[in-house]
Amino acid sequence: MTHEILGEFLSLPAEAQSQVVSLIAFLKQKYIYSEPLSASSNVDLVNDPFVGMWRDRQDLDSTTWVRNLRESEWSKTNG
């Protein structure tokens, strides 16, 4: 199921992907879990397929997109 969702996400245009990411951020804030994450969860980010999924995209400059998103979101919360 995770691969199907990722495939659906990647098939969306960049603007729609941005909206999905914003929705996820909103939902994470709305449903904050009270349980702290375990520091020993042994998540292997280097080999996680989600990390770097935009690396080979030619139609999207992911670094610039993330930078702009952070600036936009951080300016809302800080001033």
PDB file of N, CA and C in Angstrom:
ATOM      1  N   MET A   1       0.818  -1.191   0.000  1.00  0.00           N
ATOM      2  CA  MET A   1       0.000   0.000   0.000  1.00  0.00           C
ATOM      3  C   MET A   1       0.863   1.257   0.000  1.00  0.00           C
ATOM      4  N   THR A   2       1.956   1.259   0.735  1.00  0.00           N
ATOM      5  CA  THR A   2       2.829   2.426   0.784  1.00  0.00           C
ATOM      6  C   THR A   2       3.363   2.765  -0.594  1.00  0.00           C
ATOM      7  N   HIS A   3       3.771   1.757  -1.358  1.00  0.00           N
ATOM      8  CA  HIS A   3       4.300   1.997  -2.699  1.00  0.00           C
ATOM      9  C   HIS A   3       3.213   2.541  -3.618  1.00  0.00           C
ATOM     10  N   GLU A   4       1.978   2.073  -3.423  1.00  0.00           N
ATOM     11  CA  GLU A   4       0.864   2.571  -4.235  1.00  0.00           C
ATOM     12  C   GLU A   4       0.614   4.047  -3.949  1.00  0.00           C
ATOM     13  N   ILE A   5       0.627   4.409  -2.675  1.00  0.00           N
ATOM     14  CA  ILE A   5       0.408   5.806  -2.296  1.00  0.00           C
ATOM     15  C   ILE A   5       1.533   6.676  -2.837  1.00  0.00           C
ATOM     16  N   LEU A   6       2.759   6.211  -2.713  1.00  0.00           N
ATOM     17  CA  LEU A   6       3.896   6.967  -3.239  1.00  0.00           C
ATOM     18  C   LEU A   6       3.767   7.141  -4.745  1.00  0.00           C
ATOM     19  N   GLY A   7       3.368   6.097  -5.435  1.00  0.00           N
ATOM     20  CA  GLY A   7       3.175   6.183  -6.878  1.00  0.00           C
ATOM     21  C   GLY A   7       2.098   7.193  -7.250  1.00  0.00           C
ATOM     22  N   GLU A   8       1.004   7.170  -6.515  1.00  0.00           N
ATOM     23  CA  GLU A   8      -0.067   8.143  -6.758  1.00  0.00           C
ATOM     24  C   GLU A   8       0.427   9.560  -6.499  1.00  0.00           C
ATOM     25  N   PHE A   9       1.175   9.742  -5.413  1.00  0.00           N
ATOM     26  CA  PHE A   9       1.731  11.058  -5.080  1.00  0.00           C
ATOM     27  C   PHE A   9       2.640  11.556  -6.197  1.00  0.00           C
ATOM     28  N   LEU A  10       3.528  10.696  -6.665  1.00  0.00           N
ATOM     29  CA  LEU A  10       4.479  11.089  -7.700  1.00  0.00           C
ATOM     30  C   LEU A  10       3.808  11.357  -9.041  1.00  0.00           C
ATOM     31  N   SER A  11       2.622  10.807  -9.251  1.00  0.00           N
ATOM     32  CA  SER A  11       1.914  11.043 -10.513  1.00  0.00           C
ATOM     33  C   SER A  11       1.205  12.394 -10.533  1.00  0.00           C
ATOM     34  N   LEU A  12       1.118  13.039  -9.383  1.00  0.00           N
ATOM     35  CA  LEU A  12       0.461  14.344  -9.312  1.00  0.00           C
ATOM     36  C   LEU A  12       1.374  15.444  -9.837  1.00  0.00           C
ATOM     37  N   PRO A  13       0.795  16.535 -10.338  1.00  0.00           N
ATOM     38  CA  PRO A  13       1.627  17.681 -10.723  1.00  0.00           C
ATOM     39  C   PRO A  13       2.264  18.313  -9.483  1.00  0.00           C
ATOM     40  N   ALA A  14       3.316  19.091  -9.687  1.00  0.00           N
ATOM     41  CA  ALA A  14       4.081  19.673  -8.575  1.00  0.00           C
ATOM     42  C   ALA A  14       3.198  20.476  -7.624  1.00  0.00           C
ATOM     43  N   GLU A  15       2.263  21.239  -8.144  1.00  0.00           N
ATOM     44  CA  GLU A  15       1.379  22.046  -7.296  1.00  0.00           C
ATOM     45  C   GLU A  15       0.525  21.151  -6.399  1.00  0.00           C
ATOM     46  N   ALA A  16       0.009  20.072  -6.941  1.00  0.00           N
ATOM     47  CA  ALA A  16      -0.800  19.144  -6.147  1.00  0.00           C
ATOM     48  C   ALA A  16       0.059  18.445  -5.101  1.00  0.00           C
ATOM     49  N   GLN A  17       1.289  18.087  -5.456  1.00  0.00           N
ATOM     50  CA  GLN A  17       2.197  17.484  -4.479  1.00  0.00           C
ATOM     51  C   GLN A  17       2.445  18.450  -3.331  1.00  0.00           C
ATOM     52  N   SER A  18       2.606  19.721  -3.649  1.00  0.00           N
ATOM     53  CA  SER A  18       2.807  20.734  -2.616  1.00  0.00           C
ATOM     54  C   SER A  18       1.609  20.793  -1.678  1.00  0.00           C
ATOM     55  N   GLN A  19       0.406  20.690  -2.232  1.00  0.00           N
ATOM     56  CA  GLN A  19      -0.801  20.702  -1.412  1.00  0.00           C
ATOM     57  C   GLN A  19      -0.872  19.474  -0.511  1.00  0.00           C
ATOM     58  N   VAL A  20      -0.467  18.326  -1.019  1.00  0.00           N
ATOM     59  CA  VAL A  20      -0.456  17.099  -0.218  1.00  0.00           C
ATOM     60  C   VAL A  20       0.510  17.253   0.956  1.00  0.00           C
ATOM     61  N   VAL A  21       1.698  17.777   0.680  1.00  0.00           N
ATOM     62  CA  VAL A  21       2.694  17.972   1.735  1.00  0.00           C
ATOM     63  C   VAL A  21       2.157  18.942   2.784  1.00  0.00           C
ATOM     64  N   SER A  22       1.505  20.006   2.351  1.00  0.00           N
ATOM     65  CA  SER A  22       0.922  20.968   3.290  1.00  0.00           C
ATOM     66  C   SER A  22      -0.177  20.326   4.127  1.00  0.00           C
ATOM     67  N   LEU A  23      -1.005  19.495   3.499  1.00  0.00           N
ATOM     68  CA  LEU A  23      -2.067  18.807   4.235  1.00  0.00           C
ATOM     69  C   LEU A  23      -1.479  17.867   5.285  1.00  0.00           C
ATOM     70  N   ILE A  24      -0.449  17.147   4.922  1.00  0.00           N
ATOM     71  CA  ILE A  24       0.201  16.243   5.875  1.00  0.00           C
ATOM     72  C   ILE A  24       0.755  17.032   7.052  1.00  0.00           C
ATOM     73  N   ALA A  25       1.415  18.164   6.777  1.00  0.00           N
ATOM     74  CA  ALA A  25       1.961  19.002   7.855  1.00  0.00           C
ATOM     75  C   ALA A  25       0.839  19.495   8.761  1.00  0.00           C
ATOM     76  N   PHE A  26      -0.282  19.903   8.173  1.00  0.00           N
ATOM     77  CA  PHE A  26      -1.430  20.361   8.949  1.00  0.00           C
ATOM     78  C   PHE A  26      -1.966  19.249   9.848  1.00  0.00           C
ATOM     79  N   LEU A  27      -2.150  18.061   9.275  1.00  0.00           N
ATOM     80  CA  LEU A  27      -2.685  16.942  10.048  1.00  0.00           C
ATOM     81  C   LEU A  27      -1.736  16.514  11.158  1.00  0.00           C
ATOM     82  N   LYS A  28      -0.438  16.573  10.894  1.00  0.00           N
ATOM     83  CA  LYS A  28       0.526  16.221  11.940  1.00  0.00           C
ATOM     84  C   LYS A  28       0.418  17.182  13.117  1.00  0.00           C
ATOM     85  N   GLN A  29       0.191  18.460  12.835  1.00  0.00           N
ATOM     86  CA  GLN A  29       0.029  19.432  13.910  1.00  0.00           C
ATOM     87  C   GLN A  29      -1.283  19.214  14.658  1.00  0.00           C
ATOM     88  N   LYS A  30      -2.319  18.852  13.932  1.00  0.00           N
ATOM     89  CA  LYS A  30      -3.626  18.658  14.550  1.00  0.00           C
ATOM     90  C   LYS A  30      -3.663  17.422  15.436  1.00  0.00           C
ATOM     91  N   TYR A  31      -2.972  16.376  15.022  1.00  0.00           N
ATOM     92  CA  TYR A  31      -3.011  15.108  15.739  1.00  0.00           C
ATOM     93  C   TYR A  31      -1.643  14.772  16.317  1.00  0.00           C
ATOM     94  N   ILE A  32      -1.124  15.650  17.141  1.00  0.00           N
ATOM     95  CA  ILE A  32       0.175  15.413  17.767  1.00  0.00           C
ATOM     96  C   ILE A  32       0.021  14.286  18.783  1.00  0.00           C
ATOM     97  N   TYR A  33       0.893  13.313  18.659  1.00  0.00           N
ATOM     98  CA  TYR A  33       0.862  12.177  19.571  1.00  0.00           C
ATOM     99  C   TYR A  33       1.553  12.536  20.872  1.00  0.00           C
ATOM    100  N   SER A  34       0.996  12.078  21.987  1.00  0.00           N
ATOM    101  CA  SER A  34       1.580  12.376  23.283  1.00  0.00           C
ATOM    102  C   SER A  34       2.725  11.436  23.627  1.00  0.00           C
ATOM    103  N   GLU A  35       2.829  10.325  22.917  1.00  0.00           N
ATOM    104  CA  GLU A  35       3.913   9.387  23.178  1.00  0.00           C
ATOM    105  C   GLU A  35       5.191   9.871  22.499  1.00  0.00           C
ATOM    106  N   PRO A  36       6.277   9.985  23.258  1.00  0.00           N
ATOM    107  CA  PRO A  36       7.536  10.381  22.618  1.00  0.00           C
ATOM    108  C   PRO A  36       8.059   9.251  21.733  1.00  0.00           C
ATOM    109  N   LEU A  37       8.680   9.610  20.641  1.00  0.00           N
ATOM    110  CA  LEU A  37       9.269   8.604  19.772  1.00  0.00           C
ATOM    111  C   LEU A  37      10.494   8.005  20.437  1.00  0.00           C
ATOM    112  N   SER A  38      10.653   6.750  20.280  1.00  0.00           N
ATOM    113  CA  SER A  38      11.792   6.065  20.863  1.00  0.00           C
ATOM    114  C   SER A  38      13.062   6.445  20.118  1.00  0.00           C
ATOM    115  N   ALA A  39      14.093   6.792  20.855  1.00  0.00           N
ATOM    116  CA  ALA A  39      15.375   7.140  20.239  1.00  0.00           C
ATOM    117  C   ALA A  39      16.040   5.908  19.648  1.00  0.00           C
ATOM    118  N   SER A  40      15.619   4.749  20.069  1.00  0.00           N
ATOM    119  CA  SER A  40      16.239   3.521  19.583  1.00  0.00           C
ATOM    120  C   SER A  40      15.386   2.835  18.516  1.00  0.00           C
ATOM    121  N   SER A  41      14.671   3.623  17.735  1.00  0.00           N
ATOM    122  CA  SER A  41      13.800   3.026  16.728  1.00  0.00           C
ATOM    123  C   SER A  41      14.578   2.455  15.547  1.00  0.00           C
ATOM    124  N   ASN A  42      15.869   2.766  15.458  1.00  0.00           N
ATOM    125  CA  ASN A  42      16.745   2.217  14.418  1.00  0.00           C
ATOM    126  C   ASN A  42      16.207   2.451  13.008  1.00  0.00           C
ATOM    127  N   VAL A  43      15.774   3.652  12.736  1.00  0.00           N
ATOM    128  CA  VAL A  43      15.314   4.000  11.401  1.00  0.00           C
ATOM    129  C   VAL A  43      16.536   4.193  10.514  1.00  0.00           C
ATOM    130  N   ASP A  44      16.559   3.487   9.414  1.00  0.00           N
ATOM    131  CA  ASP A  44      17.681   3.557   8.483  1.00  0.00           C
ATOM    132  C   ASP A  44      17.325   4.528   7.359  1.00  0.00           C
ATOM    133  N   LEU A  45      17.534   5.821   7.603  1.00  0.00           N
ATOM    134  CA  LEU A  45      17.155   6.831   6.624  1.00  0.00           C
ATOM    135  C   LEU A  45      17.989   6.756   5.352  1.00  0.00           C
ATOM    136  N   VAL A  46      19.203   6.306   5.452  1.00  0.00           N
ATOM    137  CA  VAL A  46      20.059   6.222   4.270  1.00  0.00           C
ATOM    138  C   VAL A  46      19.452   5.302   3.223  1.00  0.00           C
ATOM    139  N   ASN A  47      18.830   4.221   3.659  1.00  0.00           N
ATOM    140  CA  ASN A  47      18.263   3.249   2.730  1.00  0.00           C
ATOM    141  C   ASN A  47      16.744   3.337   2.597  1.00  0.00           C
ATOM    142  N   ASP A  48      16.143   4.350   3.202  1.00  0.00           N
ATOM    143  CA  ASP A  48      14.698   4.510   3.108  1.00  0.00           C
ATOM    144  C   ASP A  48      14.340   5.063   1.728  1.00  0.00           C
ATOM    145  N   PRO A  49      13.411   4.420   1.001  1.00  0.00           N
ATOM    146  CA  PRO A  49      13.081   4.883  -0.352  1.00  0.00           C
ATOM    147  C   PRO A  49      12.450   6.272  -0.379  1.00  0.00           C
ATOM    148  N   PHE A  50      11.866   6.707   0.736  1.00  0.00           N
ATOM    149  CA  PHE A  50      11.247   8.033   0.766  1.00  0.00           C
ATOM    150  C   PHE A  50      12.299   9.131   0.711  1.00  0.00           C
ATOM    151  N   VAL A  51      13.435   8.902   1.357  1.00  0.00           N
ATOM    152  CA  VAL A  51      14.504   9.897   1.376  1.00  0.00           C
ATOM    153  C   VAL A  51      15.129   9.957  -0.013  1.00  0.00           C
ATOM    154  N   GLY A  52      15.152  11.129  -0.582  1.00  0.00           N
ATOM    155  CA  GLY A  52      15.734  11.311  -1.902  1.00  0.00           C
ATOM    156  C   GLY A  52      14.819  10.961  -3.051  1.00  0.00           C
ATOM    157  N   MET A  53      13.521  10.845  -2.794  1.00  0.00           N
ATOM    158  CA  MET A  53      12.615  10.409  -3.855  1.00  0.00           C
ATOM    159  C   MET A  53      12.505  11.420  -4.988  1.00  0.00           C
ATOM    160  N   TRP A  54      12.891  12.674  -4.728  1.00  0.00           N
ATOM    161  CA  TRP A  54      12.826  13.690  -5.779  1.00  0.00           C
ATOM    162  C   TRP A  54      14.178  13.916  -6.430  1.00  0.00           C
ATOM    163  N   ARG A  55      15.158  13.153  -6.085  1.00  0.00           N
ATOM    164  CA  ARG A  55      16.525  13.357  -6.548  1.00  0.00           C
ATOM    165  C   ARG A  55      16.623  13.442  -8.070  1.00  0.00           C
ATOM    166  N   ASP A  56      15.943  12.568  -8.768  1.00  0.00           N
ATOM    167  CA  ASP A  56      16.069  12.490 -10.221  1.00  0.00           C
ATOM    168  C   ASP A  56      14.989  13.260 -10.974  1.00  0.00           C
ATOM    169  N   ARG A  57      14.195  14.026 -10.267  1.00  0.00           N
ATOM    170  CA  ARG A  57      13.136  14.787 -10.932  1.00  0.00           C
ATOM    171  C   ARG A  57      13.743  15.930 -11.735  1.00  0.00           C
ATOM    172  N   GLN A  58      13.379  16.041 -12.998  1.00  0.00           N
ATOM    173  CA  GLN A  58      13.856  17.123 -13.854  1.00  0.00           C
ATOM    174  C   GLN A  58      12.897  18.313 -13.844  1.00  0.00           C
ATOM    175  N   ASP A  59      11.638  18.060 -13.497  1.00  0.00           N
ATOM    176  CA  ASP A  59      10.623  19.107 -13.543  1.00  0.00           C
ATOM    177  C   ASP A  59      10.468  19.853 -12.228  1.00  0.00           C
ATOM    178  N   LEU A  60      11.260  19.508 -11.214  1.00  0.00           N
ATOM    179  CA  LEU A  60      11.095  20.104  -9.902  1.00  0.00           C
ATOM    180  C   LEU A  60      12.453  20.259  -9.242  1.00  0.00           C
ATOM    181  N   ASP A  61      12.764  21.479  -8.831  1.00  0.00           N
ATOM    182  CA  ASP A  61      13.986  21.725  -8.065  1.00  0.00           C
ATOM    183  C   ASP A  61      13.613  21.575  -6.592  1.00  0.00           C
ATOM    184  N   SER A  62      13.798  20.382  -6.056  1.00  0.00           N
ATOM    185  CA  SER A  62      13.311  20.076  -4.711  1.00  0.00           C
ATOM    186  C   SER A  62      13.996  20.919  -3.646  1.00  0.00           C
ATOM    187  N   THR A  63      15.263  21.247  -3.829  1.00  0.00           N
ATOM    188  CA  THR A  63      15.977  22.056  -2.840  1.00  0.00           C
ATOM    189  C   THR A  63      15.344  23.439  -2.736  1.00  0.00           C
ATOM    190  N   THR A  64      15.106  24.060  -3.869  1.00  0.00           N
ATOM    191  CA  THR A  64      14.478  25.384  -3.878  1.00  0.00           C
ATOM    192  C   THR A  64      13.059  25.309  -3.337  1.00  0.00           C
ATOM    193  N   TRP A  65      12.325  24.263  -3.718  1.00  0.00           N
ATOM    194  CA  TRP A  65      10.952  24.115  -3.256  1.00  0.00           C
ATOM    195  C   TRP A  65      10.892  24.000  -1.734  1.00  0.00           C
ATOM    196  N   VAL A  66      11.760  23.170  -1.156  1.00  0.00           N
ATOM    197  CA  VAL A  66      11.781  22.998   0.298  1.00  0.00           C
ATOM    198  C   VAL A  66      12.191  24.299   0.977  1.00  0.00           C
ATOM    199  N   ARG A  67      13.193  24.969   0.430  1.00  0.00           N
ATOM    200  CA  ARG A  67      13.644  26.237   1.006  1.00  0.00           C
ATOM    201  C   ARG A  67      12.494  27.250   1.016  1.00  0.00           C
ATOM    202  N   ASN A  68      11.783  27.380  -0.091  1.00  0.00           N
ATOM    203  CA  ASN A  68      10.660  28.318  -0.165  1.00  0.00           C
ATOM    204  C   ASN A  68       9.534  27.926   0.782  1.00  0.00           C
ATOM    205  N   LEU A  69       9.252  26.639   0.884  1.00  0.00           N
ATOM    206  CA  LEU A  69       8.212  26.175   1.795  1.00  0.00           C
ATOM    207  C   LEU A  69       8.575  26.490   3.242  1.00  0.00           C
ATOM    208  N   ARG A  70       9.823  26.237   3.600  1.00  0.00           N
ATOM    209  CA  ARG A  70      10.262  26.540   4.968  1.00  0.00           C
ATOM    210  C   ARG A  70      10.168  28.032   5.256  1.00  0.00           C
ATOM    211  N   GLU A  71      10.638  28.861   4.327  1.00  0.00           N
ATOM    212  CA  GLU A  71      10.565  30.306   4.535  1.00  0.00           C
ATOM    213  C   GLU A  71       9.118  30.755   4.704  1.00  0.00           C
ATOM    214  N   SER A  72       8.243  30.226   3.884  1.00  0.00           N
ATOM    215  CA  SER A  72       6.830  30.581   3.955  1.00  0.00           C
ATOM    216  C   SER A  72       6.212  30.152   5.289  1.00  0.00           C
ATOM    217  N   GLU A  73       6.449  28.912   5.677  1.00  0.00           N
ATOM    218  CA  GLU A  73       5.859  28.391   6.914  1.00  0.00           C
ATOM    219  C   GLU A  73       6.467  29.042   8.148  1.00  0.00           C
ATOM    220  N   TRP A  74       7.768  29.241   8.147  1.00  0.00           N
ATOM    221  CA  TRP A  74       8.418  29.819   9.316  1.00  0.00           C
ATOM    222  C   TRP A  74       8.054  31.288   9.486  1.00  0.00           C
ATOM    223  N   SER A  75       7.810  31.995   8.403  1.00  0.00           N
ATOM    224  CA  SER A  75       7.428  33.397   8.535  1.00  0.00           C
ATOM    225  C   SER A  75       6.014  33.517   9.104  1.00  0.00           C
ATOM    226  N   LYS A  76       5.167  32.522   8.878  1.00  0.00           N
ATOM    227  CA  LYS A  76       3.820  32.530   9.444  1.00  0.00           C
ATOM    228  C   LYS A  76       3.858  32.360  10.959  1.00  0.00           C
ATOM    229  N   THR A  77       4.758  31.504  11.438  1.00  0.00           N
ATOM    230  CA  THR A  77       4.795  31.209  12.870  1.00  0.00           C
ATOM    231  C   THR A  77       5.653  32.191  13.655  1.00  0.00           C
ATOM    232  N   ASN A  78       6.581  32.868  12.982  1.00  0.00           N
ATOM    233  CA  ASN A  78       7.502  33.760  13.687  1.00  0.00           C
ATOM    234  C   ASN A  78       7.204  35.231  13.462  1.00  0.00           C
ATOM    235  N   GLY A  79       6.206  35.549  12.774  1.00  0.00           N
ATOM    236  CA  GLY A  79       5.995  36.967  12.616  1.00  0.00           C
ATOM    237  C   GLY A  79       4.945  37.310  11.686  1.00  0.00           C
TER     238      GLY A  79
END
